[in-house]
Amino acid sequence: MYYFEIALFVIGLLLLVMGYRRNHRNLLLCAAITLFLAGTAQSMVEGFREGYAEARNG
């Protein structure tokens, strides 16, 4: 999970730089979403696991 967060962060930074240099709003939007996911991915996965475990155990 740690490497996944790092990868999302690096991809988000690359999209941010490319979008800023090209003045491309869609790339900037993708960068914002990717950076958001980089910061929240761990808690989203943990919540999904807990919910799945609760549903499975009844």
PDB file of N, CA and C in Angstrom:
ATOM      1  N   MET A   1       0.817  -1.183   0.000  1.00  0.00           N
ATOM      2  CA  MET A   1       0.000   0.000   0.000  1.00  0.00           C
ATOM      3  C   MET A   1       0.865   1.253   0.000  1.00  0.00           C
ATOM      4  N   TYR A   2       1.989   1.178   0.692  1.00  0.00           N
ATOM      5  CA  TYR A   2       2.866   2.335   0.783  1.00  0.00           C
ATOM      6  C   TYR A   2       3.388   2.732  -0.598  1.00  0.00           C
ATOM      7  N   TYR A   3       3.779   1.755  -1.401  1.00  0.00           N
ATOM      8  CA  TYR A   3       4.307   2.038  -2.729  1.00  0.00           C
ATOM      9  C   TYR A   3       3.222   2.587  -3.653  1.00  0.00           C
ATOM     10  N   PHE A   4       2.002   2.133  -3.464  1.00  0.00           N
ATOM     11  CA  PHE A   4       0.880   2.627  -4.252  1.00  0.00           C
ATOM     12  C   PHE A   4       0.656   4.110  -3.979  1.00  0.00           C
ATOM     13  N   GLU A   5       0.736   4.520  -2.716  1.00  0.00           N
ATOM     14  CA  GLU A   5       0.566   5.933  -2.367  1.00  0.00           C
ATOM     15  C   GLU A   5       1.689   6.780  -2.948  1.00  0.00           C
ATOM     16  N   ILE A   6       2.907   6.278  -2.874  1.00  0.00           N
ATOM     17  CA  ILE A   6       4.045   7.002  -3.439  1.00  0.00           C
ATOM     18  C   ILE A   6       3.884   7.144  -4.952  1.00  0.00           C
ATOM     19  N   ALA A   7       3.446   6.076  -5.607  1.00  0.00           N
ATOM     20  CA  ALA A   7       3.246   6.119  -7.058  1.00  0.00           C
ATOM     21  C   ALA A   7       2.171   7.135  -7.431  1.00  0.00           C
ATOM     22  N   LEU A   8       1.059   7.152  -6.695  1.00  0.00           N
ATOM     23  CA  LEU A   8       0.014   8.133  -6.969  1.00  0.00           C
ATOM     24  C   LEU A   8       0.518   9.549  -6.759  1.00  0.00           C
ATOM     25  N   PHE A   9       1.322   9.751  -5.739  1.00  0.00           N
ATOM     26  CA  PHE A   9       1.861  11.077  -5.463  1.00  0.00           C
ATOM     27  C   PHE A   9       2.781  11.551  -6.593  1.00  0.00           C
ATOM     28  N   VAL A  10       3.655  10.665  -7.051  1.00  0.00           N
ATOM     29  CA  VAL A  10       4.578  11.029  -8.133  1.00  0.00           C
ATOM     30  C   VAL A  10       3.814  11.291  -9.429  1.00  0.00           C
ATOM     31  N   ILE A  11       2.842  10.449  -9.733  1.00  0.00           N
ATOM     32  CA  ILE A  11       2.026  10.655 -10.934  1.00  0.00           C
ATOM     33  C   ILE A  11       1.275  11.974 -10.839  1.00  0.00           C
ATOM     34  N   GLY A  12       0.737  12.277  -9.679  1.00  0.00           N
ATOM     35  CA  GLY A  12       0.035  13.542  -9.488  1.00  0.00           C
ATOM     36  C   GLY A  12       0.940  14.738  -9.684  1.00  0.00           C
ATOM     37  N   LEU A  13       2.164  14.661  -9.172  1.00  0.00           N
ATOM     38  CA  LEU A  13       3.102  15.769  -9.372  1.00  0.00           C
ATOM     39  C   LEU A  13       3.472  15.936 -10.839  1.00  0.00           C
ATOM     40  N   LEU A  14       3.689  14.819 -11.536  1.00  0.00           N
ATOM     41  CA  LEU A  14       4.010  14.898 -12.962  1.00  0.00           C
ATOM     42  C   LEU A  14       2.854  15.509 -13.752  1.00  0.00           C
ATOM     43  N   LEU A  15       1.633  15.099 -13.440  1.00  0.00           N
ATOM     44  CA  LEU A  15       0.466  15.677 -14.126  1.00  0.00           C
ATOM     45  C   LEU A  15       0.325  17.157 -13.811  1.00  0.00           C
ATOM     46  N   LEU A  16       0.633  17.538 -12.589  1.00  0.00           N
ATOM     47  CA  LEU A  16       0.548  18.937 -12.198  1.00  0.00           C
ATOM     48  C   LEU A  16       1.537  19.789 -12.981  1.00  0.00           C
ATOM     49  N   VAL A  17       2.754  19.321 -13.099  1.00  0.00           N
ATOM     50  CA  VAL A  17       3.774  20.065 -13.843  1.00  0.00           C
ATOM     51  C   VAL A  17       3.425  20.134 -15.324  1.00  0.00           C
ATOM     52  N   MET A  18       3.006  19.013 -15.891  1.00  0.00           N
ATOM     53  CA  MET A  18       2.655  19.003 -17.314  1.00  0.00           C
ATOM     54  C   MET A  18       1.454  19.897 -17.595  1.00  0.00           C
ATOM     55  N   GLY A  19       0.457  19.845 -16.736  1.00  0.00           N
ATOM     56  CA  GLY A  19      -0.725  20.679 -16.930  1.00  0.00           C
ATOM     57  C   GLY A  19      -0.434  22.155 -16.773  1.00  0.00           C
ATOM     58  N   TYR A  20       0.461  22.494 -15.858  1.00  0.00           N
ATOM     59  CA  TYR A  20       0.814  23.895 -15.657  1.00  0.00           C
ATOM     60  C   TYR A  20       1.618  24.432 -16.842  1.00  0.00           C
ATOM     61  N   ARG A  21       2.566  23.642 -17.320  1.00  0.00           N
ATOM     62  CA  ARG A  21       3.396  24.102 -18.441  1.00  0.00           C
ATOM     63  C   ARG A  21       2.611  24.224 -19.739  1.00  0.00           C
ATOM     64  N   ARG A  22       1.701  23.307 -19.974  1.00  0.00           N
ATOM     65  CA  ARG A  22       0.917  23.320 -21.213  1.00  0.00           C
ATOM     66  C   ARG A  22      -0.342  24.166 -21.090  1.00  0.00           C
ATOM     67  N   ASN A  23      -0.611  24.671 -19.895  1.00  0.00           N
ATOM     68  CA  ASN A  23      -1.824  25.439 -19.623  1.00  0.00           C
ATOM     69  C   ASN A  23      -3.061  24.621 -20.018  1.00  0.00           C
ATOM     70  N   HIS A  24      -3.094  23.387 -19.533  1.00  0.00           N
ATOM     71  CA  HIS A  24      -4.134  22.425 -19.878  1.00  0.00           C
ATOM     72  C   HIS A  24      -4.937  22.112 -18.612  1.00  0.00           C
ATOM     73  N   ARG A  25      -6.164  22.581 -18.572  1.00  0.00           N
ATOM     74  CA  ARG A  25      -6.977  22.459 -17.356  1.00  0.00           C
ATOM     75  C   ARG A  25      -7.348  21.027 -17.023  1.00  0.00           C
ATOM     76  N   ASN A  26      -7.556  20.208 -18.034  1.00  0.00           N
ATOM     77  CA  ASN A  26      -7.935  18.817 -17.758  1.00  0.00           C
ATOM     78  C   ASN A  26      -6.804  18.056 -17.065  1.00  0.00           C
ATOM     79  N   LEU A  27      -5.564  18.341 -17.453  1.00  0.00           N
ATOM     80  CA  LEU A  27      -4.435  17.696 -16.777  1.00  0.00           C
ATOM     81  C   LEU A  27      -4.329  18.171 -15.335  1.00  0.00           C
ATOM     82  N   LEU A  28      -4.615  19.450 -15.114  1.00  0.00           N
ATOM     83  CA  LEU A  28      -4.588  19.968 -13.747  1.00  0.00           C
ATOM     84  C   LEU A  28      -5.680  19.324 -12.900  1.00  0.00           C
ATOM     85  N   LEU A  29      -6.846  19.082 -13.493  1.00  0.00           N
ATOM     86  CA  LEU A  29      -7.919  18.402 -12.780  1.00  0.00           C
ATOM     87  C   LEU A  29      -7.528  16.972 -12.443  1.00  0.00           C
ATOM     88  N   CYS A  30      -6.939  16.262 -13.394  1.00  0.00           N
ATOM     89  CA  CYS A  30      -6.474  14.894 -13.137  1.00  0.00           C
ATOM     90  C   CYS A  30      -5.404  14.875 -12.058  1.00  0.00           C
ATOM     91  N   ALA A  31      -4.538  15.872 -12.062  1.00  0.00           N
ATOM     92  CA  ALA A  31      -3.503  15.961 -11.035  1.00  0.00           C
ATOM     93  C   ALA A  31      -4.120  16.163  -9.663  1.00  0.00           C
ATOM     94  N   ALA A  32      -5.128  17.013  -9.569  1.00  0.00           N
ATOM     95  CA  ALA A  32      -5.783  17.262  -8.287  1.00  0.00           C
ATOM     96  C   ALA A  32      -6.455  16.000  -7.760  1.00  0.00           C
ATOM     97  N   ILE A  33      -7.132  15.278  -8.633  1.00  0.00           N
ATOM     98  CA  ILE A  33      -7.807  14.046  -8.223  1.00  0.00           C
ATOM     99  C   ILE A  33      -6.789  12.992  -7.804  1.00  0.00           C
ATOM    100  N   THR A  34      -5.701  12.876  -8.552  1.00  0.00           N
ATOM    101  CA  THR A  34      -4.670  11.892  -8.232  1.00  0.00           C
ATOM    102  C   THR A  34      -3.994  12.209  -6.906  1.00  0.00           C
ATOM    103  N   LEU A  35      -3.691  13.482  -6.668  1.00  0.00           N
ATOM    104  CA  LEU A  35      -3.079  13.861  -5.394  1.00  0.00           C
ATOM    105  C   LEU A  35      -4.043  13.647  -4.231  1.00  0.00           C
ATOM    106  N   PHE A  36      -5.337  13.878  -4.463  1.00  0.00           N
ATOM    107  CA  PHE A  36      -6.344  13.597  -3.430  1.00  0.00           C
ATOM    108  C   PHE A  36      -6.365  12.110  -3.098  1.00  0.00           C
ATOM    109  N   LEU A  37      -6.339  11.279  -4.123  1.00  0.00           N
ATOM    110  CA  LEU A  37      -6.345   9.832  -3.894  1.00  0.00           C
ATOM    111  C   LEU A  37      -5.070   9.366  -3.210  1.00  0.00           C
ATOM    112  N   ALA A  38      -3.951  10.018  -3.495  1.00  0.00           N
ATOM    113  CA  ALA A  38      -2.690   9.645  -2.853  1.00  0.00           C
ATOM    114  C   ALA A  38      -2.767   9.865  -1.349  1.00  0.00           C
ATOM    115  N   GLY A  39      -3.482  10.886  -0.935  1.00  0.00           N
ATOM    116  CA  GLY A  39      -3.589  11.175   0.490  1.00  0.00           C
ATOM    117  C   GLY A  39      -4.651  10.376   1.213  1.00  0.00           C
ATOM    118  N   THR A  40      -5.640   9.872   0.489  1.00  0.00           N
ATOM    119  CA  THR A  40      -6.761   9.196   1.139  1.00  0.00           C
ATOM    120  C   THR A  40      -6.863   7.711   0.810  1.00  0.00           C
ATOM    121  N   ALA A  41      -5.958   7.194   0.010  1.00  0.00           N
ATOM    122  CA  ALA A  41      -6.072   5.803  -0.439  1.00  0.00           C
ATOM    123  C   ALA A  41      -6.026   4.817   0.721  1.00  0.00           C
ATOM    124  N   GLN A  42      -5.156   5.043   1.673  1.00  0.00           N
ATOM    125  CA  GLN A  42      -5.005   4.096   2.778  1.00  0.00           C
ATOM    126  C   GLN A  42      -6.277   4.012   3.612  1.00  0.00           C
ATOM    127  N   SER A  43      -6.858   5.135   3.962  1.00  0.00           N
ATOM    128  CA  SER A  43      -8.068   5.099   4.785  1.00  0.00           C
ATOM    129  C   SER A  43      -9.255   4.538   4.004  1.00  0.00           C
ATOM    130  N   MET A  44      -9.309   4.780   2.690  1.00  0.00           N
ATOM    131  CA  MET A  44     -10.400   4.215   1.892  1.00  0.00           C
ATOM    132  C   MET A  44     -10.295   2.697   1.842  1.00  0.00           C
ATOM    133  N   VAL A  45      -9.094   2.174   1.668  1.00  0.00           N
ATOM    134  CA  VAL A  45      -8.905   0.725   1.606  1.00  0.00           C
ATOM    135  C   VAL A  45      -9.190   0.093   2.959  1.00  0.00           C
ATOM    136  N   GLU A  46      -8.740   0.719   4.035  1.00  0.00           N
ATOM    137  CA  GLU A  46      -9.018   0.188   5.373  1.00  0.00           C
ATOM    138  C   GLU A  46     -10.518   0.172   5.656  1.00  0.00           C
ATOM    139  N   GLY A  47     -11.220   1.223   5.280  1.00  0.00           N
ATOM    140  CA  GLY A  47     -12.669   1.264   5.468  1.00  0.00           C
ATOM    141  C   GLY A  47     -13.378   0.196   4.665  1.00  0.00           C
ATOM    142  N   PHE A  48     -12.917  -0.032   3.445  1.00  0.00           N
ATOM    143  CA  PHE A  48     -13.506  -1.078   2.617  1.00  0.00           C
ATOM    144  C   PHE A  48     -13.282  -2.449   3.237  1.00  0.00           C
ATOM    145  N   ARG A  49     -12.066  -2.684   3.727  1.00  0.00           N
ATOM    146  CA  ARG A  49     -11.766  -3.974   4.361  1.00  0.00           C
ATOM    147  C   ARG A  49     -12.623  -4.197   5.604  1.00  0.00           C
ATOM    148  N   GLU A  50     -12.761  -3.181   6.424  1.00  0.00           N
ATOM    149  CA  GLU A  50     -13.575  -3.307   7.632  1.00  0.00           C
ATOM    150  C   GLU A  50     -15.040  -3.561   7.301  1.00  0.00           C
ATOM    151  N   GLY A  51     -15.547  -2.843   6.318  1.00  0.00           N
ATOM    152  CA  GLY A  51     -16.937  -3.036   5.901  1.00  0.00           C
ATOM    153  C   GLY A  51     -17.169  -4.415   5.330  1.00  0.00           C
ATOM    154  N   TYR A  52     -16.229  -4.888   4.547  1.00  0.00           N
ATOM    155  CA  TYR A  52     -16.346  -6.226   3.977  1.00  0.00           C
ATOM    156  C   TYR A  52     -16.314  -7.291   5.067  1.00  0.00           C
ATOM    157  N   ALA A  53     -15.419  -7.107   6.036  1.00  0.00           N
ATOM    158  CA  ALA A  53     -15.318  -8.066   7.125  1.00  0.00           C
ATOM    159  C   ALA A  53     -16.590  -8.075   7.986  1.00  0.00           C
ATOM    160  N   GLU A  54     -17.146  -6.902   8.231  1.00  0.00           N
ATOM    161  CA  GLU A  54     -18.391  -6.808   9.010  1.00  0.00           C
ATOM    162  C   GLU A  54     -19.540  -7.464   8.281  1.00  0.00           C
ATOM    163  N   ALA A  55     -19.639  -7.239   6.994  1.00  0.00           N
ATOM    164  CA  ALA A  55     -20.719  -7.826   6.206  1.00  0.00           C
ATOM    165  C   ALA A  55     -20.573  -9.347   6.119  1.00  0.00           C
ATOM    166  N   ARG A  56     -19.367  -9.813   6.077  1.00  0.00           N
ATOM    167  CA  ARG A  56     -19.115 -11.240   5.950  1.00  0.00           C
ATOM    168  C   ARG A  56     -19.404 -11.970   7.260  1.00  0.00           C
ATOM    169  N   ASN A  57     -19.082 -11.329   8.374  1.00  0.00           N
ATOM    170  CA  ASN A  57     -19.297 -11.966   9.675  1.00  0.00           C
ATOM    171  C   ASN A  57     -20.728 -11.837  10.173  1.00  0.00           C
ATOM    172  N   GLY A  58     -21.441 -10.935   9.576  1.00  0.00           N
ATOM    173  CA  GLY A  58     -22.864 -10.815   9.936  1.00  0.00           C
ATOM    174  C   GLY A  58     -23.087  -9.907  11.016  1.00  0.00           C
TER     175      GLY A  58
END
